[in-house]
Structures are given as C-alpha cells and as structure tokens.
Amino acid sequence: EVLLDDYSDPRWVELNIPLVPTVIAFDGDEEVKRIGAAA
C-alpha cells in the first residue's frame, strides 16, 4: 500500500492518477492493471 497524500508528490503525474482511490497492479516496474475511483 502506497499513500500519496501530497499533490506535490511527482507520482500523481507519473502514475496518471486523476481520482482517488486508485489501485494499480505492477509486475516488477511494469503496470499491468488499474482500477480508479468512480467520481
């Protein structure tokens, strides 16, 4: 579990997270699947 609490964290942009919560599954460093919040 990784919490991104501060919008200044560059991972918001790097991981393209428009809404929270967002769950991203990785295989190593590669994103394989994601689910984002419904507004």
PDB file of all heavy atoms in Angstrom:
ATOM      1  N   GLU A   1       0.850  -1.187   0.000  1.00  0.00           N
ATOM      2  CA  GLU A   1       0.000   0.000   0.000  1.00  0.00           C
ATOM      3  C   GLU A   1       0.886   1.238   0.000  1.00  0.00           C
ATOM      4  O   GLU A   1       1.789   1.365   0.813  1.00  0.00           O
ATOM      5  CB  GLU A   1      -0.866  -0.017   1.258  1.00  0.00           C
ATOM      6  CG  GLU A   1      -1.812   1.118   1.381  1.00  0.00           C
ATOM      7  CD  GLU A   1      -2.670   0.994   2.635  1.00  0.00           C
ATOM      8  OE1 GLU A   1      -2.824  -0.118   3.161  1.00  0.00           O
ATOM      9  OE2 GLU A   1      -3.175   2.021   3.076  1.00  0.00           O
ATOM     10  N   VAL A   2       0.632   2.121  -0.950  1.00  0.00           N
ATOM     11  CA  VAL A   2       1.368   3.374  -1.031  1.00  0.00           C
ATOM     12  C   VAL A   2       0.361   4.505  -0.965  1.00  0.00           C
ATOM     13  O   VAL A   2      -0.590   4.539  -1.738  1.00  0.00           O
ATOM     14  CB  VAL A   2       2.182   3.467  -2.343  1.00  0.00           C
ATOM     15  CG1 VAL A   2       2.852   4.811  -2.452  1.00  0.00           C
ATOM     16  CG2 VAL A   2       3.189   2.334  -2.420  1.00  0.00           C
ATOM     17  N   LEU A   3       0.558   5.404  -0.039  1.00  0.00           N
ATOM     18  CA  LEU A   3      -0.332   6.552   0.105  1.00  0.00           C
ATOM     19  C   LEU A   3       0.324   7.783  -0.490  1.00  0.00           C
ATOM     20  O   LEU A   3       1.473   8.083  -0.181  1.00  0.00           O
ATOM     21  CB  LEU A   3      -0.645   6.804   1.581  1.00  0.00           C
ATOM     22  CG  LEU A   3      -1.384   5.697   2.305  1.00  0.00           C
ATOM     23  CD1 LEU A   3      -1.499   6.019   3.786  1.00  0.00           C
ATOM     24  CD2 LEU A   3      -2.763   5.490   1.699  1.00  0.00           C
ATOM     25  N   LEU A   4      -0.421   8.457  -1.353  1.00  0.00           N
ATOM     26  CA  LEU A   4       0.039   9.726  -1.899  1.00  0.00           C
ATOM     27  C   LEU A   4      -0.839  10.811  -1.297  1.00  0.00           C
ATOM     28  O   LEU A   4      -1.962  11.016  -1.723  1.00  0.00           O
ATOM     29  CB  LEU A   4      -0.080   9.731  -3.426  1.00  0.00           C
ATOM     30  CG  LEU A   4       0.686   8.639  -4.168  1.00  0.00           C
ATOM     31  CD1 LEU A   4       0.465   8.774  -5.664  1.00  0.00           C
ATOM     32  CD2 LEU A   4       2.157   8.689  -3.840  1.00  0.00           C
ATOM     33  N   ASP A   5      -0.346  11.461  -0.282  1.00  0.00           N
ATOM     34  CA  ASP A   5      -1.138  12.451   0.438  1.00  0.00           C
ATOM     35  C   ASP A   5      -0.939  13.875  -0.053  1.00  0.00           C
ATOM     36  O   ASP A   5      -1.767  14.738   0.173  1.00  0.00           O
ATOM     37  CB  ASP A   5      -0.806  12.416   1.937  1.00  0.00           C
ATOM     38  CG  ASP A   5      -1.607  11.367   2.673  1.00  0.00           C
ATOM     39  OD1 ASP A   5      -2.643  10.930   2.151  1.00  0.00           O
ATOM     40  OD2 ASP A   5      -1.195  10.982   3.770  1.00  0.00           O
ATOM     41  N   ASP A   6       0.144  14.139  -0.695  1.00  0.00           N
ATOM     42  CA  ASP A   6       0.501  15.495  -1.053  1.00  0.00           C
ATOM     43  C   ASP A   6       0.548  15.617  -2.576  1.00  0.00           C
ATOM     44  O   ASP A   6       1.290  14.891  -3.234  1.00  0.00           O
ATOM     45  CB  ASP A   6       1.865  15.827  -0.446  1.00  0.00           C
ATOM     46  CG  ASP A   6       2.299  17.253  -0.668  1.00  0.00           C
ATOM     47  OD1 ASP A   6       1.652  17.967  -1.452  1.00  0.00           O
ATOM     48  OD2 ASP A   6       3.305  17.646  -0.057  1.00  0.00           O
ATOM     49  N   TYR A   7      -0.255  16.517  -3.128  1.00  0.00           N
ATOM     50  CA  TYR A   7      -0.286  16.681  -4.584  1.00  0.00           C
ATOM     51  C   TYR A   7       1.071  17.098  -5.156  1.00  0.00           C
ATOM     52  O   TYR A   7       1.279  16.992  -6.361  1.00  0.00           O
ATOM     53  CB  TYR A   7      -1.345  17.701  -4.998  1.00  0.00           C
ATOM     54  CG  TYR A   7      -2.740  17.141  -5.042  1.00  0.00           C
ATOM     55  CD1 TYR A   7      -3.757  17.716  -4.300  1.00  0.00           C
ATOM     56  CD2 TYR A   7      -3.044  16.046  -5.840  1.00  0.00           C
ATOM     57  CE1 TYR A   7      -5.047  17.215  -4.352  1.00  0.00           C
ATOM     58  CE2 TYR A   7      -4.325  15.530  -5.888  1.00  0.00           C
ATOM     59  CZ  TYR A   7      -5.328  16.124  -5.145  1.00  0.00           C
ATOM     60  OH  TYR A   7      -6.600  15.631  -5.192  1.00  0.00           O
ATOM     61  N   SER A   8       1.994  17.534  -4.338  1.00  0.00           N
ATOM     62  CA  SER A   8       3.315  17.882  -4.854  1.00  0.00           C
ATOM     63  C   SER A   8       4.161  16.636  -5.114  1.00  0.00           C
ATOM     64  O   SER A   8       5.204  16.724  -5.751  1.00  0.00           O
ATOM     65  CB  SER A   8       4.046  18.818  -3.885  1.00  0.00           C
ATOM     66  OG  SER A   8       4.353  18.139  -2.679  1.00  0.00           O
ATOM     67  N   ASP A   9       3.697  15.463  -4.667  1.00  0.00           N
ATOM     68  CA  ASP A   9       4.410  14.214  -4.933  1.00  0.00           C
ATOM     69  C   ASP A   9       4.367  13.958  -6.439  1.00  0.00           C
ATOM     70  O   ASP A   9       3.290  13.888  -7.029  1.00  0.00           O
ATOM     71  CB  ASP A   9       3.725  13.068  -4.180  1.00  0.00           C
ATOM     72  CG  ASP A   9       4.487  11.760  -4.248  1.00  0.00           C
ATOM     73  OD1 ASP A   9       5.022  11.425  -5.331  1.00  0.00           O
ATOM     74  OD2 ASP A   9       4.519  11.043  -3.235  1.00  0.00           O
ATOM     75  N   PRO A  10       5.508  13.821  -7.092  1.00  0.00           N
ATOM     76  CA  PRO A  10       5.527  13.651  -8.552  1.00  0.00           C
ATOM     77  C   PRO A  10       4.840  12.375  -9.042  1.00  0.00           C
ATOM     78  O   PRO A  10       4.492  12.271 -10.215  1.00  0.00           O
ATOM     79  CB  PRO A  10       7.017  13.639  -8.901  1.00  0.00           C
ATOM     80  CG  PRO A  10       7.716  13.301  -7.633  1.00  0.00           C
ATOM     81  CD  PRO A  10       6.845  13.802  -6.514  1.00  0.00           C
ATOM     82  N   ARG A  11       4.601  11.417  -8.153  1.00  0.00           N
ATOM     83  CA  ARG A  11       3.948  10.176  -8.583  1.00  0.00           C
ATOM     84  C   ARG A  11       2.505  10.390  -9.011  1.00  0.00           C
ATOM     85  O   ARG A  11       1.960   9.605  -9.781  1.00  0.00           O
ATOM     86  CB  ARG A  11       4.037   9.112  -7.483  1.00  0.00           C
ATOM     87  CG  ARG A  11       5.476   8.648  -7.245  1.00  0.00           C
ATOM     88  CD  ARG A  11       5.581   7.679  -6.118  1.00  0.00           C
ATOM     89  NE  ARG A  11       5.267   8.358  -4.860  1.00  0.00           N
ATOM     90  CZ  ARG A  11       5.255   7.759  -3.677  1.00  0.00           C
ATOM     91  NH1 ARG A  11       5.528   6.481  -3.583  1.00  0.00           N
ATOM     92  NH2 ARG A  11       4.959   8.434  -2.590  1.00  0.00           N
ATOM     93  N   TRP A  12       1.845  11.482  -8.545  1.00  0.00           N
ATOM     94  CA  TRP A  12       0.494  11.793  -9.020  1.00  0.00           C
ATOM     95  C   TRP A  12       0.490  11.905 -10.542  1.00  0.00           C
ATOM     96  O   TRP A  12      -0.374  11.351 -11.210  1.00  0.00           O
ATOM     97  CB  TRP A  12      -0.020  13.099  -8.425  1.00  0.00           C
ATOM     98  CG  TRP A  12      -0.441  13.012  -7.009  1.00  0.00           C
ATOM     99  CD1 TRP A  12       0.311  13.369  -5.927  1.00  0.00           C
ATOM    100  CD2 TRP A  12      -1.689  12.545  -6.486  1.00  0.00           C
ATOM    101  NE1 TRP A  12      -0.406  13.156  -4.765  1.00  0.00           N
ATOM    102  CE2 TRP A  12      -1.636  12.649  -5.087  1.00  0.00           C
ATOM    103  CE3 TRP A  12      -2.842  12.051  -7.071  1.00  0.00           C
ATOM    104  CZ2 TRP A  12      -2.686  12.285  -4.259  1.00  0.00           C
ATOM    105  CZ3 TRP A  12      -3.899  11.688  -6.247  1.00  0.00           C
ATOM    106  CH2 TRP A  12      -3.809  11.802  -4.864  1.00  0.00           C
ATOM    107  N   VAL A  13       1.486  12.605 -11.070  1.00  0.00           N
ATOM    108  CA  VAL A  13       1.582  12.809 -12.513  1.00  0.00           C
ATOM    109  C   VAL A  13       2.187  11.580 -13.184  1.00  0.00           C
ATOM    110  O   VAL A  13       1.669  11.106 -14.197  1.00  0.00           O
ATOM    111  CB  VAL A  13       2.419  14.075 -12.823  1.00  0.00           C
ATOM    112  CG1 VAL A  13       2.659  14.226 -14.314  1.00  0.00           C
ATOM    113  CG2 VAL A  13       1.725  15.304 -12.257  1.00  0.00           C
ATOM    114  N   GLU A  14       3.258  11.059 -12.631  1.00  0.00           N
ATOM    115  CA  GLU A  14       3.933   9.903 -13.222  1.00  0.00           C
ATOM    116  C   GLU A  14       2.985   8.718 -13.391  1.00  0.00           C
ATOM    117  O   GLU A  14       3.048   7.998 -14.386  1.00  0.00           O
ATOM    118  CB  GLU A  14       5.119   9.472 -12.349  1.00  0.00           C
ATOM    119  CG  GLU A  14       6.265  10.444 -12.337  1.00  0.00           C
ATOM    120  CD  GLU A  14       7.284  10.133 -11.248  1.00  0.00           C
ATOM    121  OE1 GLU A  14       7.247   9.043 -10.639  1.00  0.00           O
ATOM    122  OE2 GLU A  14       8.129  11.012 -10.996  1.00  0.00           O
ATOM    123  N   LEU A  15       2.110   8.504 -12.412  1.00  0.00           N
ATOM    124  CA  LEU A  15       1.194   7.365 -12.458  1.00  0.00           C
ATOM    125  C   LEU A  15      -0.176   7.735 -13.038  1.00  0.00           C
ATOM    126  O   LEU A  15      -1.063   6.898 -13.111  1.00  0.00           O
ATOM    127  CB  LEU A  15       1.023   6.778 -11.053  1.00  0.00           C
ATOM    128  CG  LEU A  15       2.286   6.167 -10.446  1.00  0.00           C
ATOM    129  CD1 LEU A  15       2.048   5.791  -8.990  1.00  0.00           C
ATOM    130  CD2 LEU A  15       2.737   4.959 -11.245  1.00  0.00           C
ATOM    131  N   ASN A  16      -0.337   9.003 -13.424  1.00  0.00           N
ATOM    132  CA  ASN A  16      -1.583   9.472 -14.027  1.00  0.00           C
ATOM    133  C   ASN A  16      -2.789   9.111 -13.156  1.00  0.00           C
ATOM    134  O   ASN A  16      -3.654   8.340 -13.554  1.00  0.00           O
ATOM    135  CB  ASN A  16      -1.745   8.924 -15.443  1.00  0.00           C
ATOM    136  CG  ASN A  16      -2.926   9.543 -16.155  1.00  0.00           C
ATOM    137  OD1 ASN A  16      -3.311  10.672 -15.878  1.00  0.00           O
ATOM    138  ND2 ASN A  16      -3.510   8.791 -17.068  1.00  0.00           N
ATOM    139  N   ILE A  17      -2.827   9.669 -11.965  1.00  0.00           N
ATOM    140  CA  ILE A  17      -3.905   9.391 -11.016  1.00  0.00           C
ATOM    141  C   ILE A  17      -4.848  10.593 -10.983  1.00  0.00           C
ATOM    142  O   ILE A  17      -4.571  11.590 -10.328  1.00  0.00           O
ATOM    143  CB  ILE A  17      -3.338   9.090  -9.615  1.00  0.00           C
ATOM    144  CG1 ILE A  17      -2.439   7.864  -9.690  1.00  0.00           C
ATOM    145  CG2 ILE A  17      -4.468   8.892  -8.617  1.00  0.00           C
ATOM    146  CD1 ILE A  17      -1.711   7.540  -8.421  1.00  0.00           C
ATOM    147  N   PRO A  18      -6.000  10.490 -11.683  1.00  0.00           N
ATOM    148  CA  PRO A  18      -6.923  11.612 -11.696  1.00  0.00           C
ATOM    149  C   PRO A  18      -7.871  11.635 -10.500  1.00  0.00           C
ATOM    150  O   PRO A  18      -8.318  12.694 -10.088  1.00  0.00           O
ATOM    151  CB  PRO A  18      -7.702  11.411 -12.989  1.00  0.00           C
ATOM    152  CG  PRO A  18      -7.665   9.944 -13.229  1.00  0.00           C
ATOM    153  CD  PRO A  18      -6.365   9.460 -12.639  1.00  0.00           C
ATOM    154  N   LEU A  19      -8.202  10.467  -9.968  1.00  0.00           N
ATOM    155  CA  LEU A  19      -9.120  10.365  -8.827  1.00  0.00           C
ATOM    156  C   LEU A  19      -8.573   9.354  -7.829  1.00  0.00           C
ATOM    157  O   LEU A  19      -7.851   8.426  -8.197  1.00  0.00           O
ATOM    158  CB  LEU A  19     -10.510   9.890  -9.281  1.00  0.00           C
ATOM    159  CG  LEU A  19     -11.309  10.821 -10.186  1.00  0.00           C
ATOM    160  CD1 LEU A  19     -12.543  10.105 -10.711  1.00  0.00           C
ATOM    161  CD2 LEU A  19     -11.709  12.082  -9.453  1.00  0.00           C
ATOM    162  N   VAL A  20      -8.935   9.527  -6.577  1.00  0.00           N
ATOM    163  CA  VAL A  20      -8.547   8.561  -5.553  1.00  0.00           C
ATOM    164  C   VAL A  20      -9.808   7.992  -4.922  1.00  0.00           C
ATOM    165  O   VAL A  20     -10.827   8.684  -4.854  1.00  0.00           O
ATOM    166  CB  VAL A  20      -7.627   9.204  -4.484  1.00  0.00           C
ATOM    167  CG1 VAL A  20      -6.276   9.505  -5.072  1.00  0.00           C
ATOM    168  CG2 VAL A  20      -8.229  10.442  -3.865  1.00  0.00           C
ATOM    169  N   PRO A  21      -9.757   6.749  -4.488  1.00  0.00           N
ATOM    170  CA  PRO A  21      -8.617   5.839  -4.550  1.00  0.00           C
ATOM    171  C   PRO A  21      -8.383   5.312  -5.961  1.00  0.00           C
ATOM    172  O   PRO A  21      -9.295   5.241  -6.774  1.00  0.00           O
ATOM    173  CB  PRO A  21      -9.006   4.703  -3.611  1.00  0.00           C
ATOM    174  CG  PRO A  21     -10.496   4.687  -3.616  1.00  0.00           C
ATOM    175  CD  PRO A  21     -10.914   6.116  -3.827  1.00  0.00           C
ATOM    176  N   THR A  22      -7.153   4.951  -6.209  1.00  0.00           N
ATOM    177  CA  THR A  22      -6.744   4.267  -7.428  1.00  0.00           C
ATOM    178  C   THR A  22      -5.889   3.086  -6.987  1.00  0.00           C
ATOM    179  O   THR A  22      -5.035   3.234  -6.120  1.00  0.00           O
ATOM    180  CB  THR A  22      -5.930   5.188  -8.352  1.00  0.00           C
ATOM    181  OG1 THR A  22      -6.776   6.250  -8.798  1.00  0.00           O
ATOM    182  CG2 THR A  22      -5.394   4.441  -9.553  1.00  0.00           C
ATOM    183  N   VAL A  23      -6.141   1.920  -7.583  1.00  0.00           N
ATOM    184  CA  VAL A  23      -5.331   0.727  -7.301  1.00  0.00           C
ATOM    185  C   VAL A  23      -4.627   0.350  -8.593  1.00  0.00           C
ATOM    186  O   VAL A  23      -5.262   0.225  -9.642  1.00  0.00           O
ATOM    187  CB  VAL A  23      -6.203  -0.447  -6.807  1.00  0.00           C
ATOM    188  CG1 VAL A  23      -5.357  -1.694  -6.608  1.00  0.00           C
ATOM    189  CG2 VAL A  23      -6.930  -0.084  -5.524  1.00  0.00           C
ATOM    190  N   ILE A  24      -3.321   0.202  -8.515  1.00  0.00           N
ATOM    191  CA  ILE A  24      -2.520  -0.159  -9.682  1.00  0.00           C
ATOM    192  C   ILE A  24      -1.749  -1.435  -9.350  1.00  0.00           C
ATOM    193  O   ILE A  24      -1.065  -1.506  -8.332  1.00  0.00           O
ATOM    194  CB  ILE A  24      -1.534   0.965 -10.059  1.00  0.00           C
ATOM    195  CG1 ILE A  24      -2.276   2.290 -10.264  1.00  0.00           C
ATOM    196  CG2 ILE A  24      -0.746   0.578 -11.308  1.00  0.00           C
ATOM    197  CD1 ILE A  24      -1.373   3.488 -10.442  1.00  0.00           C
ATOM    198  N   ALA A  25      -1.871  -2.430 -10.228  1.00  0.00           N
ATOM    199  CA  ALA A  25      -1.121  -3.677 -10.066  1.00  0.00           C
ATOM    200  C   ALA A  25       0.127  -3.597 -10.948  1.00  0.00           C
ATOM    201  O   ALA A  25       0.047  -3.193 -12.111  1.00  0.00           O
ATOM    202  CB  ALA A  25      -1.976  -4.871 -10.471  1.00  0.00           C
ATOM    203  N   PHE A  26       1.258  -3.966 -10.368  1.00  0.00           N
ATOM    204  CA  PHE A  26       2.525  -3.951 -11.088  1.00  0.00           C
ATOM    205  C   PHE A  26       3.112  -5.351 -11.140  1.00  0.00           C
ATOM    206  O   PHE A  26       2.938  -6.140 -10.216  1.00  0.00           O
ATOM    207  CB  PHE A  26       3.533  -3.038 -10.373  1.00  0.00           C
ATOM    208  CG  PHE A  26       3.234  -1.581 -10.491  1.00  0.00           C
ATOM    209  CD1 PHE A  26       2.452  -0.941  -9.549  1.00  0.00           C
ATOM    210  CD2 PHE A  26       3.738  -0.846 -11.547  1.00  0.00           C
ATOM    211  CE1 PHE A  26       2.172   0.405  -9.647  1.00  0.00           C
ATOM    212  CE2 PHE A  26       3.467   0.513 -11.657  1.00  0.00           C
ATOM    213  CZ  PHE A  26       2.681   1.145 -10.700  1.00  0.00           C
ATOM    214  N   ASP A  27       3.817  -5.617 -12.215  1.00  0.00           N
ATOM    215  CA  ASP A  27       4.676  -6.798 -12.325  1.00  0.00           C
ATOM    216  C   ASP A  27       6.075  -6.229 -12.440  1.00  0.00           C
ATOM    217  O   ASP A  27       6.451  -5.719 -13.502  1.00  0.00           O
ATOM    218  CB  ASP A  27       4.297  -7.633 -13.540  1.00  0.00           C
ATOM    219  CG  ASP A  27       5.123  -8.902 -13.650  1.00  0.00           C
ATOM    220  OD1 ASP A  27       5.968  -9.158 -12.768  1.00  0.00           O
ATOM    221  OD2 ASP A  27       4.920  -9.646 -14.622  1.00  0.00           O
ATOM    222  N   GLY A  28       6.793  -6.245 -11.335  1.00  0.00           N
ATOM    223  CA  GLY A  28       8.067  -5.538 -11.296  1.00  0.00           C
ATOM    224  C   GLY A  28       7.782  -4.050 -11.365  1.00  0.00           C
ATOM    225  O   GLY A  28       7.007  -3.518 -10.584  1.00  0.00           O
ATOM    226  N   ASP A  29       8.370  -3.387 -12.360  1.00  0.00           N
ATOM    227  CA  ASP A  29       8.145  -1.948 -12.548  1.00  0.00           C
ATOM    228  C   ASP A  29       7.068  -1.657 -13.581  1.00  0.00           C
ATOM    229  O   ASP A  29       6.761  -0.505 -13.845  1.00  0.00           O
ATOM    230  CB  ASP A  29       9.438  -1.262 -12.988  1.00  0.00           C
ATOM    231  CG  ASP A  29      10.472  -1.213 -11.882  1.00  0.00           C
ATOM    232  OD1 ASP A  29      10.077  -1.284 -10.696  1.00  0.00           O
ATOM    233  OD2 ASP A  29      11.669  -1.094 -12.197  1.00  0.00           O
ATOM    234  N   GLU A  30       6.490  -2.701 -14.181  1.00  0.00           N
ATOM    235  CA  GLU A  30       5.518  -2.512 -15.255  1.00  0.00           C
ATOM    236  C   GLU A  30       4.085  -2.569 -14.727  1.00  0.00           C
ATOM    237  O   GLU A  30       3.697  -3.522 -14.050  1.00  0.00           O
ATOM    238  CB  GLU A  30       5.698  -3.592 -16.323  1.00  0.00           C
ATOM    239  CG  GLU A  30       4.788  -3.420 -17.506  1.00  0.00           C
ATOM    240  CD  GLU A  30       5.011  -4.492 -18.562  1.00  0.00           C
ATOM    241  OE1 GLU A  30       6.077  -5.131 -18.565  1.00  0.00           O
ATOM    242  OE2 GLU A  30       4.106  -4.693 -19.369  1.00  0.00           O
ATOM    243  N   GLU A  31       3.302  -1.543 -15.056  1.00  0.00           N
ATOM    244  CA  GLU A  31       1.887  -1.535 -14.691  1.00  0.00           C
ATOM    245  C   GLU A  31       1.161  -2.552 -15.567  1.00  0.00           C
ATOM    246  O   GLU A  31       1.295  -2.550 -16.781  1.00  0.00           O
ATOM    247  CB  GLU A  31       1.286  -0.147 -14.912  1.00  0.00           C
ATOM    248  CG  GLU A  31      -0.190  -0.087 -14.567  1.00  0.00           C
ATOM    249  CD  GLU A  31      -0.816   1.279 -14.759  1.00  0.00           C
ATOM    250  OE1 GLU A  31      -0.117   2.302 -14.620  1.00  0.00           O
ATOM    251  OE2 GLU A  31      -2.025   1.307 -15.058  1.00  0.00           O
ATOM    252  N   VAL A  32       0.388  -3.425 -14.914  1.00  0.00           N
ATOM    253  CA  VAL A  32      -0.350  -4.442 -15.666  1.00  0.00           C
ATOM    254  C   VAL A  32      -1.855  -4.255 -15.593  1.00  0.00           C
ATOM    255  O   VAL A  32      -2.589  -4.761 -16.449  1.00  0.00           O
ATOM    256  CB  VAL A  32       0.031  -5.873 -15.226  1.00  0.00           C
ATOM    257  CG1 VAL A  32       1.472  -6.183 -15.602  1.00  0.00           C
ATOM    258  CG2 VAL A  32      -0.192  -6.094 -13.751  1.00  0.00           C
ATOM    259  N   LYS A  33      -2.336  -3.541 -14.594  1.00  0.00           N
ATOM    260  CA  LYS A  33      -3.772  -3.380 -14.438  1.00  0.00           C
ATOM    261  C   LYS A  33      -4.026  -2.242 -13.459  1.00  0.00           C
ATOM    262  O   LYS A  33      -3.233  -2.014 -12.552  1.00  0.00           O
ATOM    263  CB  LYS A  33      -4.358  -4.683 -13.884  1.00  0.00           C
ATOM    264  CG  LYS A  33      -5.837  -4.817 -13.966  1.00  0.00           C
ATOM    265  CD  LYS A  33      -6.226  -6.249 -13.550  1.00  0.00           C
ATOM    266  CE  LYS A  33      -7.695  -6.461 -13.703  1.00  0.00           C
ATOM    267  NZ  LYS A  33      -8.097  -7.805 -13.304  1.00  0.00           N
ATOM    268  N   ARG A  34      -5.172  -1.562 -13.640  1.00  0.00           N
ATOM    269  CA  ARG A  34      -5.515  -0.487 -12.714  1.00  0.00           C
ATOM    270  C   ARG A  34      -7.024  -0.360 -12.606  1.00  0.00           C
ATOM    271  O   ARG A  34      -7.753  -0.684 -13.522  1.00  0.00           O
ATOM    272  CB  ARG A  34      -4.858   0.818 -13.130  1.00  0.00           C
ATOM    273  CG  ARG A  34      -5.702   1.769 -13.830  1.00  0.00           C
ATOM    274  CD  ARG A  34      -5.141   3.159 -14.112  1.00  0.00           C
ATOM    275  NE  ARG A  34      -3.725   3.350 -14.103  1.00  0.00           N
ATOM    276  CZ  ARG A  34      -3.121   4.434 -13.649  1.00  0.00           C
ATOM    277  NH1 ARG A  34      -3.817   5.444 -13.190  1.00  0.00           N
ATOM    278  NH2 ARG A  34      -1.822   4.553 -13.658  1.00  0.00           N
ATOM    279  N   ILE A  35      -7.441   0.122 -11.460  1.00  0.00           N
ATOM    280  CA  ILE A  35      -8.838   0.494 -11.252  1.00  0.00           C
ATOM    281  C   ILE A  35      -8.821   1.835 -10.543  1.00  0.00           C
ATOM    282  O   ILE A  35      -8.088   2.030  -9.570  1.00  0.00           O
ATOM    283  CB  ILE A  35      -9.623  -0.568 -10.453  1.00  0.00           C
ATOM    284  CG1 ILE A  35     -11.093  -0.165 -10.333  1.00  0.00           C
ATOM    285  CG2 ILE A  35      -9.006  -0.830  -9.104  1.00  0.00           C
ATOM    286  CD1 ILE A  35     -11.978  -1.234  -9.712  1.00  0.00           C
ATOM    287  N   GLY A  36      -9.610   2.745 -11.076  1.00  0.00           N
ATOM    288  CA  GLY A  36      -9.698   4.062 -10.480  1.00  0.00           C
ATOM    289  C   GLY A  36     -11.089   4.292  -9.920  1.00  0.00           C
ATOM    290  O   GLY A  36     -12.052   3.616 -10.286  1.00  0.00           O
ATOM    291  N   ALA A  37     -11.170   5.244  -9.065  1.00  0.00           N
ATOM    292  CA  ALA A  37     -12.431   5.586  -8.410  1.00  0.00           C
ATOM    293  C   ALA A  37     -13.458   6.076  -9.417  1.00  0.00           C
ATOM    294  O   ALA A  37     -13.119   6.710 -10.403  1.00  0.00           O
ATOM    295  CB  ALA A  37     -12.191   6.666  -7.370  1.00  0.00           C
ATOM    296  N   ALA A  38     -14.697   5.772  -9.130  1.00  0.00           N
ATOM    297  CA  ALA A  38     -15.802   6.392  -9.839  1.00  0.00           C
ATOM    298  C   ALA A  38     -16.103   7.696  -9.095  1.00  0.00           C
ATOM    299  O   ALA A  38     -16.158   7.706  -7.861  1.00  0.00           O
ATOM    300  CB  ALA A  38     -17.018   5.474  -9.836  1.00  0.00           C
ATOM    301  N   ALA A  39     -16.257   8.769  -9.830  1.00  0.00           N
ATOM    302  CA  ALA A  39     -16.487  10.081  -9.206  1.00  0.00           C
ATOM    303  C   ALA A  39     -17.687  10.028  -8.269  1.00  0.00           C
ATOM    304  O   ALA A  39     -18.756   9.544  -8.630  1.00  0.00           O
ATOM    305  CB  ALA A  39     -16.699  11.133 -10.276  1.00  0.00           C
TER     306      ALA A  39
END
